[in-house]
Amino acid sequence: MKRVCCVCKKVFGHKAGTGETHGFCKACFKAAQRNLARMLQPWRQEIRQEREK
């Protein structure tokens, strides 16, 4: 069974580690994880400030 990456439209096979639950190829998935972490950083700081009050 082959999947098509929803980001770069590259076709990739299902090997262990690529994950079958998401439509990302490995490279795009790693990039997405990094971007997500960067997006959540300011949000985490806001929560921390709320707790300190």
N, C-alpha and C. Protein backbone atom coordinates (compact mmCIF):
# COMPACT_ATOMS: atom_id res chain seq x y z
N MET A 1 0.84 -1.20 0.00
CA MET A 1 0.00 0.00 0.00
C MET A 1 0.87 1.25 0.00
N LYS A 2 0.65 2.12 -0.96
CA LYS A 2 1.44 3.35 -1.03
C LYS A 2 0.60 4.53 -0.60
N ARG A 3 1.24 5.48 0.05
CA ARG A 3 0.54 6.70 0.48
C ARG A 3 1.15 7.88 -0.27
N VAL A 4 0.39 8.95 -0.42
CA VAL A 4 0.91 10.17 -1.03
C VAL A 4 1.00 11.23 0.06
N CYS A 5 2.15 11.85 0.15
CA CYS A 5 2.36 12.86 1.19
C CYS A 5 1.42 14.04 0.94
N CYS A 6 0.74 14.51 1.99
CA CYS A 6 -0.22 15.60 1.81
C CYS A 6 0.49 16.95 1.70
N VAL A 7 1.80 16.99 1.97
CA VAL A 7 2.54 18.25 1.85
C VAL A 7 3.24 18.33 0.50
N CYS A 8 4.17 17.39 0.25
CA CYS A 8 4.98 17.49 -0.96
C CYS A 8 4.47 16.59 -2.08
N LYS A 9 3.37 15.86 -1.85
CA LYS A 9 2.74 15.00 -2.85
C LYS A 9 3.67 13.88 -3.34
N LYS A 10 4.66 13.55 -2.52
CA LYS A 10 5.58 12.48 -2.87
C LYS A 10 4.94 11.15 -2.46
N VAL A 11 5.13 10.13 -3.27
CA VAL A 11 4.58 8.81 -2.93
C VAL A 11 5.57 8.09 -2.05
N PHE A 12 5.10 7.55 -0.93
CA PHE A 12 6.00 6.81 -0.06
C PHE A 12 5.32 5.51 0.36
N GLY A 13 6.13 4.47 0.56
CA GLY A 13 5.59 3.18 0.98
C GLY A 13 5.41 3.18 2.48
N HIS A 14 4.73 2.15 3.00
CA HIS A 14 4.55 2.10 4.45
C HIS A 14 5.63 1.21 5.05
N LYS A 15 6.63 1.84 5.61
CA LYS A 15 7.67 1.12 6.35
C LYS A 15 7.50 1.50 7.81
N ALA A 16 8.07 0.71 8.69
CA ALA A 16 7.99 1.03 10.11
C ALA A 16 8.63 2.39 10.33
N GLY A 17 7.95 3.25 11.10
CA GLY A 17 8.51 4.56 11.39
C GLY A 17 7.88 5.66 10.56
N THR A 18 7.35 5.33 9.37
CA THR A 18 6.72 6.39 8.59
C THR A 18 5.33 6.68 9.14
N GLY A 19 4.73 5.71 9.78
CA GLY A 19 3.44 5.93 10.42
C GLY A 19 2.32 5.90 9.41
N GLU A 20 1.24 5.20 9.69
CA GLU A 20 0.16 5.11 8.72
C GLU A 20 -1.00 5.99 9.12
N THR A 21 -0.88 6.69 10.22
CA THR A 21 -2.00 7.48 10.70
C THR A 21 -2.00 8.87 10.08
N HIS A 22 -0.86 9.33 9.56
CA HIS A 22 -0.81 10.67 8.99
C HIS A 22 -0.37 10.58 7.54
N GLY A 23 -0.71 11.59 6.73
CA GLY A 23 -0.36 11.56 5.32
C GLY A 23 0.90 12.35 5.03
N PHE A 24 1.90 12.27 5.89
CA PHE A 24 3.16 12.95 5.64
C PHE A 24 4.23 11.93 5.28
N CYS A 25 5.14 12.29 4.38
CA CYS A 25 6.34 11.48 4.25
C CYS A 25 7.24 11.85 5.42
N LYS A 26 8.30 11.08 5.64
CA LYS A 26 9.10 11.24 6.85
C LYS A 26 9.68 12.65 6.98
N ALA A 27 10.19 13.19 5.86
CA ALA A 27 10.84 14.50 5.90
C ALA A 27 9.84 15.59 6.29
N CYS A 28 8.66 15.55 5.66
CA CYS A 28 7.64 16.57 5.95
C CYS A 28 7.11 16.41 7.37
N PHE A 29 7.03 15.17 7.84
CA PHE A 29 6.52 14.94 9.19
C PHE A 29 7.47 15.55 10.21
N LYS A 30 8.79 15.36 10.00
CA LYS A 30 9.76 15.93 10.93
C LYS A 30 9.71 17.45 10.89
N ALA A 31 9.58 18.01 9.68
CA ALA A 31 9.50 19.47 9.54
C ALA A 31 8.24 19.98 10.25
N ALA A 32 7.13 19.26 10.09
CA ALA A 32 5.88 19.67 10.72
C ALA A 32 6.01 19.64 12.24
N GLN A 33 6.68 18.61 12.76
CA GLN A 33 6.87 18.52 14.21
C GLN A 33 7.68 19.70 14.73
N ARG A 34 8.73 20.07 13.98
CA ARG A 34 9.56 21.21 14.39
C ARG A 34 8.75 22.50 14.38
N ASN A 35 7.97 22.70 13.30
CA ASN A 35 7.16 23.91 13.19
C ASN A 35 6.13 23.99 14.31
N LEU A 36 5.55 22.84 14.64
CA LEU A 36 4.55 22.79 15.69
C LEU A 36 5.14 23.20 17.02
N ALA A 37 6.33 22.68 17.32
CA ALA A 37 6.99 23.01 18.58
C ALA A 37 7.27 24.51 18.63
N ARG A 38 7.68 25.07 17.50
CA ARG A 38 7.98 26.50 17.47
C ARG A 38 6.71 27.32 17.67
N MET A 39 5.60 26.84 17.09
CA MET A 39 4.33 27.55 17.24
C MET A 39 3.82 27.52 18.67
N LEU A 40 4.09 26.42 19.38
CA LEU A 40 3.55 26.26 20.72
C LEU A 40 4.37 26.98 21.79
N GLN A 41 5.61 27.37 21.46
CA GLN A 41 6.47 27.98 22.47
C GLN A 41 5.85 29.22 23.14
N PRO A 42 5.42 30.23 22.36
CA PRO A 42 4.84 31.42 23.01
C PRO A 42 3.60 31.07 23.84
N TRP A 43 2.84 30.09 23.37
CA TRP A 43 1.63 29.67 24.07
C TRP A 43 1.97 29.08 25.43
N ARG A 44 3.06 28.31 25.50
CA ARG A 44 3.50 27.73 26.77
C ARG A 44 3.93 28.82 27.74
N GLN A 45 4.60 29.83 27.22
CA GLN A 45 5.06 30.92 28.09
C GLN A 45 3.87 31.66 28.69
N GLU A 46 2.82 31.85 27.89
CA GLU A 46 1.63 32.53 28.41
C GLU A 46 1.02 31.73 29.56
N ILE A 47 0.95 30.43 29.41
CA ILE A 47 0.39 29.58 30.47
C ILE A 47 1.23 29.70 31.74
N ARG A 48 2.56 29.70 31.56
CA ARG A 48 3.46 29.80 32.70
C ARG A 48 3.22 31.12 33.45
N GLN A 49 3.04 32.20 32.68
CA GLN A 49 2.81 33.50 33.31
C GLN A 49 1.49 33.51 34.07
N GLU A 50 0.48 32.87 33.50
CA GLU A 50 -0.82 32.80 34.18
C GLU A 50 -0.69 32.07 35.52
N ARG A 51 0.09 31.00 35.54
CA ARG A 51 0.24 30.21 36.77
C ARG A 51 0.96 31.00 37.85
N GLU A 52 1.91 31.85 37.43
CA GLU A 52 2.72 32.58 38.41
C GLU A 52 1.91 33.67 39.11
N LYS A 53 0.83 34.13 38.47
CA LYS A 53 0.02 35.20 39.06
C LYS A 53 -0.70 34.73 40.32
